[in-house]
PDB file of N, CA and C in Angstrom:
ATOM      1  N   MET A   1      -8.922  23.355 -21.741  1.00  0.00           N
ATOM      2  CA  MET A   1      -8.281  23.566 -20.453  1.00  0.00           C
ATOM      3  C   MET A   1      -8.830  21.972 -19.617  1.00  0.00           C
ATOM      4  N   LYS A   2     -10.053  21.707 -19.492  1.00  0.00           N
ATOM      5  CA  LYS A   2     -10.064  20.477 -19.230  1.00  0.00           C
ATOM      6  C   LYS A   2     -10.127  19.240 -19.863  1.00  0.00           C
ATOM      7  N   ASP A   3      -9.888  19.321 -21.298  1.00  0.00           N
ATOM      8  CA  ASP A   3      -9.235  18.331 -22.173  1.00  0.00           C
ATOM      9  C   ASP A   3      -7.939  18.140 -21.776  1.00  0.00           C
ATOM     10  N   ALA A   4      -7.230  19.172 -21.695  1.00  0.00           N
ATOM     11  CA  ALA A   4      -5.729  18.762 -21.370  1.00  0.00           C
ATOM     12  C   ALA A   4      -5.660  18.232 -19.984  1.00  0.00           C
ATOM     13  N   LEU A   5      -6.381  18.683 -18.738  1.00  0.00           N
ATOM     14  CA  LEU A   5      -6.140  17.934 -17.553  1.00  0.00           C
ATOM     15  C   LEU A   5      -6.443  16.706 -17.269  1.00  0.00           C
ATOM     16  N   LYS A   6      -7.601  16.326 -18.499  1.00  0.00           N
ATOM     17  CA  LYS A   6      -8.161  15.038 -18.707  1.00  0.00           C
ATOM     18  C   LYS A   6      -7.056  14.116 -19.124  1.00  0.00           C
ATOM     19  N   THR A   7      -6.264  14.659 -20.130  1.00  0.00           N
ATOM     20  CA  THR A   7      -5.177  14.001 -20.997  1.00  0.00           C
ATOM     21  C   THR A   7      -4.037  13.661 -19.918  1.00  0.00           C
ATOM     22  N   VAL A   8      -3.917  14.469 -19.157  1.00  0.00           N
ATOM     23  CA  VAL A   8      -2.386  14.250 -18.464  1.00  0.00           C
ATOM     24  C   VAL A   8      -3.142  13.488 -17.090  1.00  0.00           C
ATOM     25  N   SER A   9      -4.184  13.711 -16.877  1.00  0.00           N
ATOM     26  CA  SER A   9      -4.952  12.348 -15.879  1.00  0.00           C
ATOM     27  C   SER A   9      -4.740  11.195 -16.072  1.00  0.00           C
ATOM     28  N   ASP A  10      -5.423  11.032 -17.888  1.00  0.00           N
ATOM     29  CA  ASP A  10      -5.135   9.619 -17.956  1.00  0.00           C
ATOM     30  C   ASP A  10      -3.765   8.980 -18.276  1.00  0.00           C
ATOM     31  N   TRP A  11      -2.910   9.875 -18.448  1.00  0.00           N
ATOM     32  CA  TRP A  11      -1.517   9.726 -18.687  1.00  0.00           C
ATOM     33  C   TRP A  11      -0.793   8.814 -17.473  1.00  0.00           C
ATOM     34  N   LEU A  12      -1.156   9.853 -16.515  1.00  0.00           N
ATOM     35  CA  LEU A  12      -0.706   9.470 -15.148  1.00  0.00           C
ATOM     36  C   LEU A  12      -1.412   8.162 -14.597  1.00  0.00           C
ATOM     37  N   ALA A  13      -2.361   8.130 -14.912  1.00  0.00           N
ATOM     38  CA  ALA A  13      -2.961   6.769 -14.798  1.00  0.00           C
ATOM     39  C   ALA A  13      -2.523   5.658 -15.227  1.00  0.00           C
ATOM     40  N   LYS A  14      -2.247   5.871 -16.712  1.00  0.00           N
ATOM     41  CA  LYS A  14      -1.571   4.634 -16.998  1.00  0.00           C
ATOM     42  C   LYS A  14      -0.214   4.321 -16.787  1.00  0.00           C
ATOM     43  N   ILE A  15       0.515   5.759 -16.365  1.00  0.00           N
ATOM     44  CA  ILE A  15       1.922   5.072 -16.129  1.00  0.00           C
ATOM     45  C   ILE A  15       1.881   4.566 -14.667  1.00  0.00           C
ATOM     46  N   THR A  16       0.820   4.671 -13.392  1.00  0.00           N
ATOM     47  CA  THR A  16       0.727   4.303 -12.418  1.00  0.00           C
ATOM     48  C   THR A  16       0.379   2.803 -12.628  1.00  0.00           C
ATOM     49  N   ASP A  17      -0.466   2.406 -13.592  1.00  0.00           N
ATOM     50  CA  ASP A  17      -0.787   0.975 -14.028  1.00  0.00           C
ATOM     51  C   ASP A  17       0.511   0.263 -14.422  1.00  0.00           C
ATOM     52  N   LEU A  18       1.301   0.742 -15.123  1.00  0.00           N
ATOM     53  CA  LEU A  18       2.537   0.268 -15.616  1.00  0.00           C
ATOM     54  C   LEU A  18       3.453   0.083 -14.645  1.00  0.00           C
ATOM     55  N   LEU A  19       3.529   0.973 -13.802  1.00  0.00           N
ATOM     56  CA  LEU A  19       4.762   0.812 -12.603  1.00  0.00           C
ATOM     57  C   LEU A  19       4.427  -0.215 -11.530  1.00  0.00           C
ATOM     58  N   VAL A  20       2.800  -0.419 -11.094  1.00  0.00           N
ATOM     59  CA  VAL A  20       2.613  -1.247 -10.477  1.00  0.00           C
ATOM     60  C   VAL A  20       2.815  -2.713 -11.196  1.00  0.00           C
ATOM     61  N   SER A  21       2.166  -2.959 -12.301  1.00  0.00           N
ATOM     62  CA  SER A  21       2.817  -4.315 -13.263  1.00  0.00           C
ATOM     63  C   SER A  21       4.218  -4.186 -13.028  1.00  0.00           C
ATOM     64  N   LEU A  22       4.982  -3.367 -12.936  1.00  0.00           N
ATOM     65  CA  LEU A  22       6.446  -3.725 -13.392  1.00  0.00           C
ATOM     66  C   LEU A  22       6.985  -3.867 -11.729  1.00  0.00           C
ATOM     67  N   ILE A  23       6.313  -3.471 -10.792  1.00  0.00           N
ATOM     68  CA  ILE A  23       6.595  -3.887  -9.531  1.00  0.00           C
ATOM     69  C   ILE A  23       6.112  -5.717  -9.216  1.00  0.00           C
ATOM     70  N   ALA A  24       5.118  -5.769  -9.645  1.00  0.00           N
ATOM     71  CA  ALA A  24       4.423  -7.175  -9.797  1.00  0.00           C
ATOM     72  C   ALA A  24       5.500  -8.137 -10.300  1.00  0.00           C
ATOM     73  N   LEU A  25       5.986  -7.575 -11.577  1.00  0.00           N
ATOM     74  CA  LEU A  25       6.590  -8.400 -12.315  1.00  0.00           C
ATOM     75  C   LEU A  25       7.875  -8.700 -11.527  1.00  0.00           C
ATOM     76  N   GLY A  26       8.601  -7.681 -10.756  1.00  0.00           N
ATOM     77  CA  GLY A  26       9.732  -7.857 -10.232  1.00  0.00           C
ATOM     78  C   GLY A  26       9.593  -8.595  -8.867  1.00  0.00           C
ATOM     79  N   VAL A  27       8.582  -8.692  -8.368  1.00  0.00           N
ATOM     80  CA  VAL A  27       8.439  -9.425  -7.285  1.00  0.00           C
ATOM     81  C   VAL A  27       8.342 -11.014  -7.713  1.00  0.00           C
ATOM     82  N   VAL A  28       7.431 -11.298  -8.814  1.00  0.00           N
ATOM     83  CA  VAL A  28       7.441 -12.561  -9.259  1.00  0.00           C
ATOM     84  C   VAL A  28       9.238 -12.955  -9.766  1.00  0.00           C
ATOM     85  N   ILE A  29       9.693 -12.097 -10.313  1.00  0.00           N
ATOM     86  CA  ILE A  29      11.202 -12.487 -10.771  1.00  0.00           C
ATOM     87  C   ILE A  29      12.173 -12.654  -9.500  1.00  0.00           C
ATOM     88  N   GLY A  30      11.527 -12.018  -8.695  1.00  0.00           N
ATOM     89  CA  GLY A  30      12.772 -12.048  -7.215  1.00  0.00           C
ATOM     90  C   GLY A  30      12.371 -13.058  -6.791  1.00  0.00           C
ATOM     91  N   ILE A  31      11.148 -13.908  -6.877  1.00  0.00           N
ATOM     92  CA  ILE A  31      10.618 -15.187  -6.070  1.00  0.00           C
ATOM     93  C   ILE A  31      11.307 -16.310  -6.711  1.00  0.00           C
ATOM     94  N   LEU A  32      11.234 -16.119  -8.366  1.00  0.00           N
ATOM     95  CA  LEU A  32      11.910 -17.432  -8.868  1.00  0.00           C
ATOM     96  C   LEU A  32      13.432 -17.380  -9.094  1.00  0.00           C
ATOM     97  N   PHE A  33      14.103 -16.082  -9.254  1.00  0.00           N
ATOM     98  CA  PHE A  33      15.467 -16.088  -9.591  1.00  0.00           C
ATOM     99  C   PHE A  33      16.012 -15.460  -8.637  1.00  0.00           C
ATOM    100  N   ASP A  34      15.846 -15.509  -7.084  1.00  0.00           N
ATOM    101  CA  ASP A  34      16.726 -15.210  -5.978  1.00  0.00           C
ATOM    102  C   ASP A  34      16.996 -13.698  -6.127  1.00  0.00           C
ATOM    103  N   ASP A  35      15.828 -12.554  -6.519  1.00  0.00           N
ATOM    104  CA  ASP A  35      15.804 -11.260  -6.055  1.00  0.00           C
ATOM    105  C   ASP A  35      17.095 -10.921  -6.548  1.00  0.00           C
ATOM    106  N   LYS A  36      17.374 -10.981  -7.625  1.00  0.00           N
ATOM    107  CA  LYS A  36      18.627  -9.986  -8.335  1.00  0.00           C
ATOM    108  C   LYS A  36      18.519  -8.609  -8.155  1.00  0.00           C
ATOM    109  N   PHE A  37      17.181  -8.154  -8.693  1.00  0.00           N
ATOM    110  CA  PHE A  37      16.949  -6.504  -8.559  1.00  0.00           C
ATOM    111  C   PHE A  37      16.646  -5.885  -7.097  1.00  0.00           C
ATOM    112  N   GLY A  38      16.769  -6.758  -6.018  1.00  0.00           N
ATOM    113  CA  GLY A  38      16.509  -5.972  -4.680  1.00  0.00           C
ATOM    114  C   GLY A  38      15.083  -5.676  -4.845  1.00  0.00           C
ATOM    115  N   VAL A  39      13.995  -6.200  -5.466  1.00  0.00           N
ATOM    116  CA  VAL A  39      12.700  -5.805  -5.306  1.00  0.00           C
ATOM    117  C   VAL A  39      11.926  -5.915  -4.102  1.00  0.00           C
ATOM    118  N   ILE A  40      12.195  -7.249  -3.655  1.00  0.00           N
ATOM    119  CA  ILE A  40      11.687  -7.851  -2.209  1.00  0.00           C
ATOM    120  C   ILE A  40      12.038  -7.217  -1.276  1.00  0.00           C
ATOM    121  N   GLU A  41      13.396  -6.973  -1.144  1.00  0.00           N
ATOM    122  CA  GLU A  41      14.365  -6.015   0.044  1.00  0.00           C
ATOM    123  C   GLU A  41      13.839  -4.922   0.015  1.00  0.00           C
ATOM    124  N   GLY A  42      13.412  -4.243  -1.026  1.00  0.00           N
ATOM    125  CA  GLY A  42      12.987  -2.889  -0.975  1.00  0.00           C
ATOM    126  C   GLY A  42      11.547  -2.808  -0.439  1.00  0.00           C
ATOM    127  N   ILE A  43      10.875  -3.611  -0.805  1.00  0.00           N
ATOM    128  CA  ILE A  43       9.398  -3.704  -0.458  1.00  0.00           C
ATOM    129  C   ILE A  43       9.407  -4.035   1.397  1.00  0.00           C
ATOM    130  N   GLY A  44      10.420  -4.928   1.372  1.00  0.00           N
ATOM    131  CA  GLY A  44      10.729  -5.056   3.126  1.00  0.00           C
ATOM    132  C   GLY A  44      11.003  -4.076   3.556  1.00  0.00           C
ATOM    133  N   ASN A  45      11.899  -3.227   2.940  1.00  0.00           N
ATOM    134  CA  ASN A  45      12.545  -2.026   4.041  1.00  0.00           C
ATOM    135  C   ASN A  45      11.266  -0.709   3.695  1.00  0.00           C
ATOM    136  N   LEU A  46      10.351  -0.945   3.174  1.00  0.00           N
ATOM    137  CA  LEU A  46       9.498   0.162   2.891  1.00  0.00           C
ATOM    138  C   LEU A  46       8.378  -0.218   4.280  1.00  0.00           C
ATOM    139  N   MET A  47       8.027  -1.760   4.251  1.00  0.00           N
ATOM    140  CA  MET A  47       6.882  -1.952   5.232  1.00  0.00           C
ATOM    141  C   MET A  47       7.645  -1.847   6.560  1.00  0.00           C
ATOM    142  N   VAL A  48       9.255  -1.944   7.033  1.00  0.00           N
ATOM    143  CA  VAL A  48       9.775  -1.718   8.263  1.00  0.00           C
ATOM    144  C   VAL A  48       9.593  -0.306   8.391  1.00  0.00           C
ATOM    145  N   LYS A  49       9.795   0.223   7.515  1.00  0.00           N
ATOM    146  CA  LYS A  49       9.867   2.135   7.763  1.00  0.00           C
ATOM    147  C   LYS A  49       8.280   2.401   8.045  1.00  0.00           C
ATOM    148  N   PHE A  50       7.164   1.850   7.436  1.00  0.00           N
ATOM    149  CA  PHE A  50       5.860   2.185   8.089  1.00  0.00           C
ATOM    150  C   PHE A  50       5.283   1.766   9.548  1.00  0.00           C
ATOM    151  N   GLY A  51       6.154   0.413   9.573  1.00  0.00           N
ATOM    152  CA  GLY A  51       6.268  -0.108  11.022  1.00  0.00           C
ATOM    153  C   GLY A  51       6.796   0.745  12.062  1.00  0.00           C
ATOM    154  N   ASP A  52       8.140   1.229  11.604  1.00  0.00           N
ATOM    155  CA  ASP A  52       8.765   1.848  12.758  1.00  0.00           C
ATOM    156  C   ASP A  52       8.083   3.153  12.946  1.00  0.00           C
ATOM    157  N   ASN A  53       7.190   3.555  12.260  1.00  0.00           N
ATOM    158  CA  ASN A  53       6.669   5.218  12.939  1.00  0.00           C
ATOM    159  C   ASN A  53       5.053   5.011  13.275  1.00  0.00           C
ATOM    160  N   GLY A  54       4.750   3.652  13.673  1.00  0.00           N
ATOM    161  CA  GLY A  54       3.495   3.518  14.411  1.00  0.00           C
ATOM    162  C   GLY A  54       2.630   3.436  14.094  1.00  0.00           C
ATOM    163  N   LEU A  55       1.650   4.453  14.743  1.00  0.00           N
ATOM    164  CA  LEU A  55       0.264   4.866  14.292  1.00  0.00           C
ATOM    165  C   LEU A  55       0.378   5.834  13.180  1.00  0.00           C
ATOM    166  N   ALA A  56       1.498   6.582  12.986  1.00  0.00           N
ATOM    167  CA  ALA A  56       1.413   7.681  11.805  1.00  0.00           C
ATOM    168  C   ALA A  56       1.672   6.943  10.529  1.00  0.00           C
ATOM    169  N   GLY A  57       2.524   5.716  10.416  1.00  0.00           N
ATOM    170  CA  GLY A  57       2.702   4.887   9.570  1.00  0.00           C
ATOM    171  C   GLY A  57       1.677   4.291   8.828  1.00  0.00           C
ATOM    172  N   LEU A  58       0.768   3.791  10.185  1.00  0.00           N
ATOM    173  CA  LEU A  58      -0.206   2.987   9.578  1.00  0.00           C
ATOM    174  C   LEU A  58      -1.271   4.146   8.925  1.00  0.00           C
ATOM    175  N   VAL A  59      -1.332   4.974   9.555  1.00  0.00           N
ATOM    176  CA  VAL A  59      -1.987   5.843   8.811  1.00  0.00           C
ATOM    177  C   VAL A  59      -1.813   6.269   7.635  1.00  0.00           C
ATOM    178  N   ALA A  60      -0.525   6.430   7.258  1.00  0.00           N
ATOM    179  CA  ALA A  60      -0.126   7.028   5.894  1.00  0.00           C
ATOM    180  C   ALA A  60      -0.348   5.839   5.148  1.00  0.00           C
ATOM    181  N   LEU A  61      -0.079   4.906   5.487  1.00  0.00           N
ATOM    182  CA  LEU A  61      -0.411   3.545   4.435  1.00  0.00           C
ATOM    183  C   LEU A  61      -1.875   3.358   4.146  1.00  0.00           C
ATOM    184  N   PHE A  62      -2.605   3.773   5.175  1.00  0.00           N
ATOM    185  CA  PHE A  62      -4.001   3.545   4.945  1.00  0.00           C
ATOM    186  C   PHE A  62      -4.637   4.608   3.817  1.00  0.00           C
ATOM    187  N   LEU A  63      -3.876   5.958   4.062  1.00  0.00           N
ATOM    188  CA  LEU A  63      -4.110   7.032   3.101  1.00  0.00           C
ATOM    189  C   LEU A  63      -3.805   6.781   1.789  1.00  0.00           C
ATOM    190  N   ILE A  64      -2.560   6.106   1.639  1.00  0.00           N
ATOM    191  CA  ILE A  64      -2.107   5.958   0.134  1.00  0.00           C
ATOM    192  C   ILE A  64      -2.905   4.660  -0.365  1.00  0.00           C
ATOM    193  N   VAL A  65      -3.161   3.733   0.448  1.00  0.00           N
ATOM    194  CA  VAL A  65      -4.257   2.704  -0.104  1.00  0.00           C
ATOM    195  C   VAL A  65      -5.800   3.008  -0.820  1.00  0.00           C
ATOM    196  N   THR A  66      -6.307   3.779   0.073  1.00  0.00           N
ATOM    197  CA  THR A  66      -7.626   4.792   0.086  1.00  0.00           C
ATOM    198  C   THR A  66      -7.270   5.486  -1.197  1.00  0.00           C
ATOM    199  N   TRP A  67      -6.556   6.211  -1.530  1.00  0.00           N
ATOM    200  CA  TRP A  67      -6.474   7.326  -2.413  1.00  0.00           C
ATOM    201  C   TRP A  67      -5.887   6.287  -3.903  1.00  0.00           C
ATOM    202  N   TYR A  68      -5.127   5.421  -3.576  1.00  0.00           N
ATOM    203  CA  TYR A  68      -4.877   4.485  -4.835  1.00  0.00           C
ATOM    204  C   TYR A  68      -6.565   3.667  -5.415  1.00  0.00           C
ATOM    205  N   GLN A  69      -7.284   3.234  -4.369  1.00  0.00           N
ATOM    206  CA  GLN A  69      -8.296   2.530  -4.832  1.00  0.00           C
ATOM    207  C   GLN A  69      -9.489   3.491  -5.128  1.00  0.00           C
ATOM    208  N   LYS A  70      -9.402   4.905  -4.964  1.00  0.00           N
ATOM    209  CA  LYS A  70     -10.497   5.924  -5.546  1.00  0.00           C
ATOM    210  C   LYS A  70     -10.435   6.119  -7.161  1.00  0.00           C
ATOM    211  N   LYS A  71      -9.229   5.534  -7.593  1.00  0.00           N
ATOM    212  CA  LYS A  71      -9.136   5.568  -9.276  1.00  0.00           C
ATOM    213  C   LYS A  71      -9.812   4.821 -10.121  1.00  0.00           C
TER     214      LYS A  71
END
């Protein structure tokens, strides 16, 4: 059972790393080629949503960043 959980955890970590890399690639492509995929606009909208929620948004953002760094 522990091996199965470790395997699933490893897969999720690899998928998360892949998604972060794809987001970074999307941002670079957006900067170079006028944001054809809307990645930069999507990130901007996400930051606006966190900002509109005031302190709760900042706490949520802090928790997400802390959770991701524990990996």
